[in-house]
Amino acid sequence: MSSLRCTHCGEESLETGFILDTGQSASGFAEWVEGPLQRGVLGGAKIFRRPKWEIDAYRCRHCHHLELFANHPA
């Protein structure tokens, strides 16, 4: 995407990717969840009925900085 620019070094050479989630019962990709982290009785994050968004990740080919965007509801 030529319109995206690295906020660290200013280069336009961003490479598309994603953040992998391999935890127990994971869907394979990470999601952004609205609101502060709230833990349940067993220590896991409370996410029921909270809006979730897919994370789009881009890596700068020049300085390797990661840029993360949440553009699509999960």
PDB file of N, CA and C in Angstrom:
ATOM      1  N   MET A   1       0.851  -1.183   0.000  1.00  0.00           N
ATOM      2  CA  MET A   1       0.000   0.000   0.000  1.00  0.00           C
ATOM      3  C   MET A   1       0.889   1.237   0.000  1.00  0.00           C
ATOM      4  N   SER A   2       0.930   1.937  -1.089  1.00  0.00           N
ATOM      5  CA  SER A   2       1.833   3.076  -1.226  1.00  0.00           C
ATOM      6  C   SER A   2       1.409   4.272  -0.385  1.00  0.00           C
ATOM      7  N   SER A   3       0.152   4.353   0.071  1.00  0.00           N
ATOM      8  CA  SER A   3      -0.295   5.496   0.860  1.00  0.00           C
ATOM      9  C   SER A   3       0.164   5.399   2.316  1.00  0.00           C
ATOM     10  N   LEU A   4       0.593   4.209   2.757  1.00  0.00           N
ATOM     11  CA  LEU A   4       1.060   4.050   4.127  1.00  0.00           C
ATOM     12  C   LEU A   4       2.542   4.380   4.219  1.00  0.00           C
ATOM     13  N   ARG A   5       2.904   5.034   5.306  1.00  0.00           N
ATOM     14  CA  ARG A   5       4.288   5.450   5.523  1.00  0.00           C
ATOM     15  C   ARG A   5       4.703   5.036   6.932  1.00  0.00           C
ATOM     16  N   CYS A   6       5.942   4.574   7.084  1.00  0.00           N
ATOM     17  CA  CYS A   6       6.463   4.187   8.391  1.00  0.00           C
ATOM     18  C   CYS A   6       6.525   5.422   9.292  1.00  0.00           C
ATOM     19  N   THR A   7       5.947   5.327  10.475  1.00  0.00           N
ATOM     20  CA  THR A   7       5.969   6.463  11.403  1.00  0.00           C
ATOM     21  C   THR A   7       7.310   6.587  12.118  1.00  0.00           C
ATOM     22  N   HIS A   8       8.165   5.585  11.982  1.00  0.00           N
ATOM     23  CA  HIS A   8       9.479   5.619  12.624  1.00  0.00           C
ATOM     24  C   HIS A   8      10.532   6.294  11.741  1.00  0.00           C
ATOM     25  N   CYS A   9      10.613   5.887  10.458  1.00  0.00           N
ATOM     26  CA  CYS A   9      11.662   6.420   9.581  1.00  0.00           C
ATOM     27  C   CYS A   9      11.136   7.180   8.373  1.00  0.00           C
ATOM     28  N   GLY A  10       9.822   7.098   8.094  1.00  0.00           N
ATOM     29  CA  GLY A  10       9.230   7.835   6.992  1.00  0.00           C
ATOM     30  C   GLY A  10       9.211   7.111   5.659  1.00  0.00           C
ATOM     31  N   GLU A  11       9.784   5.937   5.571  1.00  0.00           N
ATOM     32  CA  GLU A  11       9.805   5.180   4.314  1.00  0.00           C
ATOM     33  C   GLU A  11       8.399   4.731   3.923  1.00  0.00           C
ATOM     34  N   GLU A  12       8.184   4.504   2.625  1.00  0.00           N
ATOM     35  CA  GLU A  12       6.899   4.019   2.120  1.00  0.00           C
ATOM     36  C   GLU A  12       6.921   2.529   1.826  1.00  0.00           C
ATOM     37  N   SER A  13       8.009   1.854   2.122  1.00  0.00           N
ATOM     38  CA  SER A  13       8.152   0.433   1.777  1.00  0.00           C
ATOM     39  C   SER A  13       7.636  -0.469   2.895  1.00  0.00           C
ATOM     40  N   LEU A  14       6.304  -0.469   3.102  1.00  0.00           N
ATOM     41  CA  LEU A  14       5.700  -1.293   4.143  1.00  0.00           C
ATOM     42  C   LEU A  14       5.239  -2.622   3.555  1.00  0.00           C
ATOM     43  N   GLU A  15       5.588  -3.703   4.238  1.00  0.00           N
ATOM     44  CA  GLU A  15       5.271  -5.057   3.812  1.00  0.00           C
ATOM     45  C   GLU A  15       4.089  -5.575   4.624  1.00  0.00           C
ATOM     46  N   THR A  16       3.071  -6.131   3.956  1.00  0.00           N
ATOM     47  CA  THR A  16       1.872  -6.641   4.605  1.00  0.00           C
ATOM     48  C   THR A  16       2.158  -7.937   5.360  1.00  0.00           C
ATOM     49  N   GLY A  17       1.538  -8.095   6.530  1.00  0.00           N
ATOM     50  CA  GLY A  17       1.658  -9.320   7.311  1.00  0.00           C
ATOM     51  C   GLY A  17       0.555  -9.376   8.354  1.00  0.00           C
ATOM     52  N   PHE A  18       0.707 -10.267   9.346  1.00  0.00           N
ATOM     53  CA  PHE A  18      -0.280 -10.351  10.429  1.00  0.00           C
ATOM     54  C   PHE A  18       0.407 -10.839  11.689  1.00  0.00           C
ATOM     55  N   ILE A  19      -0.250 -10.641  12.830  1.00  0.00           N
ATOM     56  CA  ILE A  19       0.252 -11.080  14.126  1.00  0.00           C
ATOM     57  C   ILE A  19      -0.343 -12.452  14.411  1.00  0.00           C
ATOM     58  N   LEU A  20       0.493 -13.468  14.532  1.00  0.00           N
ATOM     59  CA  LEU A  20       0.051 -14.838  14.742  1.00  0.00           C
ATOM     60  C   LEU A  20      -0.261 -15.083  16.214  1.00  0.00           C
ATOM     61  N   ASP A  21      -1.393 -15.739  16.483  1.00  0.00           N
ATOM     62  CA  ASP A  21      -1.778 -16.122  17.837  1.00  0.00           C
ATOM     63  C   ASP A  21      -1.913 -17.644  17.864  1.00  0.00           C
ATOM     64  N   THR A  22      -1.038 -18.327  18.602  1.00  0.00           N
ATOM     65  CA  THR A  22      -1.063 -19.781  18.655  1.00  0.00           C
ATOM     66  C   THR A  22      -1.439 -20.305  20.039  1.00  0.00           C
ATOM     67  N   GLY A  23      -2.053 -19.466  20.839  1.00  0.00           N
ATOM     68  CA  GLY A  23      -2.452 -19.869  22.188  1.00  0.00           C
ATOM     69  C   GLY A  23      -3.585 -20.884  22.183  1.00  0.00           C
ATOM     70  N   GLN A  24      -3.928 -21.380  23.347  1.00  0.00           N
ATOM     71  CA  GLN A  24      -4.993 -22.365  23.487  1.00  0.00           C
ATOM     72  C   GLN A  24      -6.306 -21.816  22.940  1.00  0.00           C
ATOM     73  N   SER A  25      -6.966 -22.578  22.109  1.00  0.00           N
ATOM     74  CA  SER A  25      -8.244 -22.203  21.462  1.00  0.00           C
ATOM     75  C   SER A  25      -8.100 -20.969  20.581  1.00  0.00           C
ATOM     76  N   ALA A  26      -6.901 -20.673  20.107  1.00  0.00           N
ATOM     77  CA  ALA A  26      -6.668 -19.489  19.282  1.00  0.00           C
ATOM     78  C   ALA A  26      -7.207 -19.690  17.875  1.00  0.00           C
ATOM     79  N   SER A  27      -7.605 -18.596  17.245  1.00  0.00           N
ATOM     80  CA  SER A  27      -8.102 -18.632  15.868  1.00  0.00           C
ATOM     81  C   SER A  27      -6.955 -18.556  14.863  1.00  0.00           C
ATOM     82  N   GLY A  28      -5.736 -18.316  15.339  1.00  0.00           N
ATOM     83  CA  GLY A  28      -4.584 -18.227  14.453  1.00  0.00           C
ATOM     84  C   GLY A  28      -4.124 -16.818  14.193  1.00  0.00           C
ATOM     85  N   PHE A  29      -4.946 -15.843  14.525  1.00  0.00           N
ATOM     86  CA  PHE A  29      -4.570 -14.445  14.338  1.00  0.00           C
ATOM     87  C   PHE A  29      -5.030 -13.642  15.544  1.00  0.00           C
ATOM     88  N   ALA A  30      -4.337 -12.561  15.808  1.00  0.00           N
ATOM     89  CA  ALA A  30      -4.661 -11.708  16.956  1.00  0.00           C
ATOM     90  C   ALA A  30      -5.786 -10.744  16.601  1.00  0.00           C
ATOM     91  N   GLU A  31      -6.503 -10.287  17.608  1.00  0.00           N
ATOM     92  CA  GLU A  31      -7.568  -9.306  17.445  1.00  0.00           C
ATOM     93  C   GLU A  31      -7.388  -8.194  18.461  1.00  0.00           C
ATOM     94  N   TRP A  32      -7.848  -7.003  18.100  1.00  0.00           N
ATOM     95  CA  TRP A  32      -7.881  -5.872  19.023  1.00  0.00           C
ATOM     96  C   TRP A  32      -9.255  -5.882  19.671  1.00  0.00           C
ATOM     97  N   VAL A  33      -9.301  -5.749  21.018  1.00  0.00           N
ATOM     98  CA  VAL A  33     -10.563  -5.757  21.760  1.00  0.00           C
ATOM     99  C   VAL A  33     -10.761  -4.384  22.395  1.00  0.00           C
ATOM    100  N   GLU A  34     -11.956  -3.824  22.213  1.00  0.00           N
ATOM    101  CA  GLU A  34     -12.251  -2.489  22.730  1.00  0.00           C
ATOM    102  C   GLU A  34     -12.275  -2.477  24.250  1.00  0.00           C
ATOM    103  N   GLY A  35     -11.726  -1.420  24.852  1.00  0.00           N
ATOM    104  CA  GLY A  35     -11.770  -1.223  26.294  1.00  0.00           C
ATOM    105  C   GLY A  35     -10.549  -1.778  27.012  1.00  0.00           C
ATOM    106  N   PRO A  36     -10.424  -1.436  28.301  1.00  0.00           N
ATOM    107  CA  PRO A  36      -9.283  -1.908  29.085  1.00  0.00           C
ATOM    108  C   PRO A  36      -9.374  -3.409  29.364  1.00  0.00           C
ATOM    109  N   LEU A  37      -8.241  -4.030  29.621  1.00  0.00           N
ATOM    110  CA  LEU A  37      -8.194  -5.452  29.955  1.00  0.00           C
ATOM    111  C   LEU A  37      -8.922  -5.704  31.268  1.00  0.00           C
ATOM    112  N   GLN A  38      -9.855  -6.633  31.243  1.00  0.00           N
ATOM    113  CA  GLN A  38     -10.554  -7.087  32.438  1.00  0.00           C
ATOM    114  C   GLN A  38     -10.359  -8.588  32.514  1.00  0.00           C
ATOM    115  N   ARG A  39      -9.935  -9.087  33.673  1.00  0.00           N
ATOM    116  CA  ARG A  39      -9.678 -10.520  33.837  1.00  0.00           C
ATOM    117  C   ARG A  39     -10.845 -11.191  34.548  1.00  0.00           C
ATOM    118  N   GLY A  40     -11.126 -12.422  34.106  1.00  0.00           N
ATOM    119  CA  GLY A  40     -12.163 -13.232  34.725  1.00  0.00           C
ATOM    120  C   GLY A  40     -11.620 -13.952  35.948  1.00  0.00           C
ATOM    121  N   VAL A  41     -12.440 -14.788  36.542  1.00  0.00           N
ATOM    122  CA  VAL A  41     -12.092 -15.521  37.756  1.00  0.00           C
ATOM    123  C   VAL A  41     -10.852 -16.395  37.550  1.00  0.00           C
ATOM    124  N   LEU A  42     -10.708 -17.003  36.384  1.00  0.00           N
ATOM    125  CA  LEU A  42      -9.578 -17.892  36.103  1.00  0.00           C
ATOM    126  C   LEU A  42      -8.376 -17.160  35.504  1.00  0.00           C
ATOM    127  N   GLY A  43      -8.438 -15.847  35.406  1.00  0.00           N
ATOM    128  CA  GLY A  43      -7.309 -15.049  34.934  1.00  0.00           C
ATOM    129  C   GLY A  43      -7.317 -14.706  33.457  1.00  0.00           C
ATOM    130  N   GLY A  44      -8.217 -15.290  32.692  1.00  0.00           N
ATOM    131  CA  GLY A  44      -8.307 -14.985  31.268  1.00  0.00           C
ATOM    132  C   GLY A  44      -8.998 -13.659  31.025  1.00  0.00           C
ATOM    133  N   ALA A  45      -8.791 -13.107  29.838  1.00  0.00           N
ATOM    134  CA  ALA A  45      -9.414 -11.824  29.484  1.00  0.00           C
ATOM    135  C   ALA A  45     -10.914 -11.995  29.269  1.00  0.00           C
ATOM    136  N   LYS A  46     -11.704 -11.063  29.804  1.00  0.00           N
ATOM    137  CA  LYS A  46     -13.145 -11.039  29.570  1.00  0.00           C
ATOM    138  C   LYS A  46     -13.389 -10.347  28.234  1.00  0.00           C
ATOM    139  N   ILE A  47     -13.928 -11.087  27.257  1.00  0.00           N
ATOM    140  CA  ILE A  47     -14.136 -10.508  25.926  1.00  0.00           C
ATOM    141  C   ILE A  47     -15.563 -10.686  25.421  1.00  0.00           C
ATOM    142  N   PHE A  48     -16.423 -11.344  26.189  1.00  0.00           N
ATOM    143  CA  PHE A  48     -17.791 -11.595  25.764  1.00  0.00           C
ATOM    144  C   PHE A  48     -18.526 -10.287  25.475  1.00  0.00           C
ATOM    145  N   ARG A  49     -19.127 -10.207  24.307  1.00  0.00           N
ATOM    146  CA  ARG A  49     -19.914  -9.044  23.846  1.00  0.00           C
ATOM    147  C   ARG A  49     -19.106  -7.755  23.729  1.00  0.00           C
ATOM    148  N   ARG A  50     -17.802  -7.859  23.641  1.00  0.00           N
ATOM    149  CA  ARG A  50     -16.977  -6.661  23.433  1.00  0.00           C
ATOM    150  C   ARG A  50     -16.578  -6.618  21.965  1.00  0.00           C
ATOM    151  N   PRO A  51     -16.639  -5.436  21.336  1.00  0.00           N
ATOM    152  CA  PRO A  51     -16.253  -5.340  19.922  1.00  0.00           C
ATOM    153  C   PRO A  51     -14.803  -5.783  19.712  1.00  0.00           C
ATOM    154  N   LYS A  52     -14.597  -6.573  18.642  1.00  0.00           N
ATOM    155  CA  LYS A  52     -13.268  -7.061  18.295  1.00  0.00           C
ATOM    156  C   LYS A  52     -12.968  -6.689  16.848  1.00  0.00           C
ATOM    157  N   TRP A  53     -11.718  -6.377  16.573  1.00  0.00           N
ATOM    158  CA  TRP A  53     -11.289  -5.966  15.236  1.00  0.00           C
ATOM    159  C   TRP A  53     -10.070  -6.766  14.817  1.00  0.00           C
ATOM    160  N   GLU A  54     -10.007  -7.127  13.533  1.00  0.00           N
ATOM    161  CA  GLU A  54      -8.825  -7.777  12.984  1.00  0.00           C
ATOM    162  C   GLU A  54      -7.670  -6.777  12.991  1.00  0.00           C
ATOM    163  N   ILE A  55      -6.466  -7.274  13.242  1.00  0.00           N
ATOM    164  CA  ILE A  55      -5.284  -6.417  13.237  1.00  0.00           C
ATOM    165  C   ILE A  55      -4.553  -6.581  11.915  1.00  0.00           C
ATOM    166  N   ASP A  56      -4.404  -5.497  11.174  1.00  0.00           N
ATOM    167  CA  ASP A  56      -3.573  -5.471   9.972  1.00  0.00           C
ATOM    168  C   ASP A  56      -2.188  -5.022  10.399  1.00  0.00           C
ATOM    169  N   ALA A  57      -1.180  -5.789  10.057  1.00  0.00           N
ATOM    170  CA  ALA A  57       0.191  -5.480  10.465  1.00  0.00           C
ATOM    171  C   ALA A  57       1.055  -5.212   9.237  1.00  0.00           C
ATOM    172  N   TYR A  58       1.901  -4.211   9.330  1.00  0.00           N
ATOM    173  CA  TYR A  58       2.825  -3.858   8.252  1.00  0.00           C
ATOM    174  C   TYR A  58       4.215  -3.691   8.847  1.00  0.00           C
ATOM    175  N   ARG A  59       5.220  -4.216   8.141  1.00  0.00           N
ATOM    176  CA  ARG A  59       6.614  -4.113   8.588  1.00  0.00           C
ATOM    177  C   ARG A  59       7.370  -3.264   7.586  1.00  0.00           C
ATOM    178  N   CYS A  60       8.100  -2.280   8.104  1.00  0.00           N
ATOM    179  CA  CYS A  60       8.908  -1.424   7.250  1.00  0.00           C
ATOM    180  C   CYS A  60      10.101  -2.239   6.730  1.00  0.00           C
ATOM    181  N   ARG A  61      10.300  -2.261   5.431  1.00  0.00           N
ATOM    182  CA  ARG A  61      11.422  -2.998   4.838  1.00  0.00           C
ATOM    183  C   ARG A  61      12.753  -2.311   5.126  1.00  0.00           C
ATOM    184  N   HIS A  62      12.712  -1.032   5.492  1.00  0.00           N
ATOM    185  CA  HIS A  62      13.943  -0.274   5.733  1.00  0.00           C
ATOM    186  C   HIS A  62      14.428  -0.411   7.178  1.00  0.00           C
ATOM    187  N   CYS A  63      13.569  -0.115   8.160  1.00  0.00           N
ATOM    188  CA  CYS A  63      13.996  -0.120   9.577  1.00  0.00           C
ATOM    189  C   CYS A  63      13.355  -1.242  10.397  1.00  0.00           C
ATOM    190  N   HIS A  64      12.448  -2.028   9.793  1.00  0.00           N
ATOM    191  CA  HIS A  64      11.793  -3.185  10.416  1.00  0.00           C
ATOM    192  C   HIS A  64      10.779  -2.826  11.502  1.00  0.00           C
ATOM    193  N   HIS A  65      10.412  -1.570  11.607  1.00  0.00           N
ATOM    194  CA  HIS A  65       9.390  -1.113  12.551  1.00  0.00           C
ATOM    195  C   HIS A  65       8.038  -1.705  12.152  1.00  0.00           C
ATOM    196  N   LEU A  66       7.207  -2.087  13.139  1.00  0.00           N
ATOM    197  CA  LEU A  66       5.872  -2.601  12.863  1.00  0.00           C
ATOM    198  C   LEU A  66       4.825  -1.499  13.028  1.00  0.00           C
ATOM    199  N   GLU A  67       3.908  -1.460  12.086  1.00  0.00           N
ATOM    200  CA  GLU A  67       2.753  -0.561  12.131  1.00  0.00           C
ATOM    201  C   GLU A  67       1.516  -1.438  12.214  1.00  0.00           C
ATOM    202  N   LEU A  68       0.644  -1.207  13.190  1.00  0.00           N
ATOM    203  CA  LEU A  68      -0.566  -2.009  13.383  1.00  0.00           C
ATOM    204  C   LEU A  68      -1.805  -1.137  13.194  1.00  0.00           C
ATOM    205  N   PHE A  69      -2.808  -1.672  12.468  1.00  0.00           N
ATOM    206  CA  PHE A  69      -4.054  -0.975  12.232  1.00  0.00           C
ATOM    207  C   PHE A  69      -5.211  -1.935  12.479  1.00  0.00           C
ATOM    208  N   ALA A  70      -6.309  -1.427  13.024  1.00  0.00           N
ATOM    209  CA  ALA A  70      -7.523  -2.212  13.226  1.00  0.00           C
ATOM    210  C   ALA A  70      -8.600  -1.604  12.341  1.00  0.00           C
ATOM    211  N   ASN A  71      -8.711  -2.125  11.121  1.00  0.00           N
ATOM    212  CA  ASN A  71      -9.605  -1.542  10.120  1.00  0.00           C
ATOM    213  C   ASN A  71     -10.872  -2.340   9.847  1.00  0.00           C
ATOM    214  N   HIS A  72     -10.921  -3.617  10.290  1.00  0.00           N
ATOM    215  CA  HIS A  72     -12.040  -4.480   9.931  1.00  0.00           C
ATOM    216  C   HIS A  72     -12.586  -5.191  11.173  1.00  0.00           C
ATOM    217  N   PRO A  73     -13.909  -5.126  11.397  1.00  0.00           N
ATOM    218  CA  PRO A  73     -14.484  -5.863  12.522  1.00  0.00           C
ATOM    219  C   PRO A  73     -14.202  -7.364  12.359  1.00  0.00           C
ATOM    220  N   ALA A  74     -13.943  -8.039  13.462  1.00  0.00           N
ATOM    221  CA  ALA A  74     -13.661  -9.486  13.415  1.00  0.00           C
ATOM    222  C   ALA A  74     -14.947 -10.279  13.422  1.00  0.00           C
TER     223      ALA A  74
END
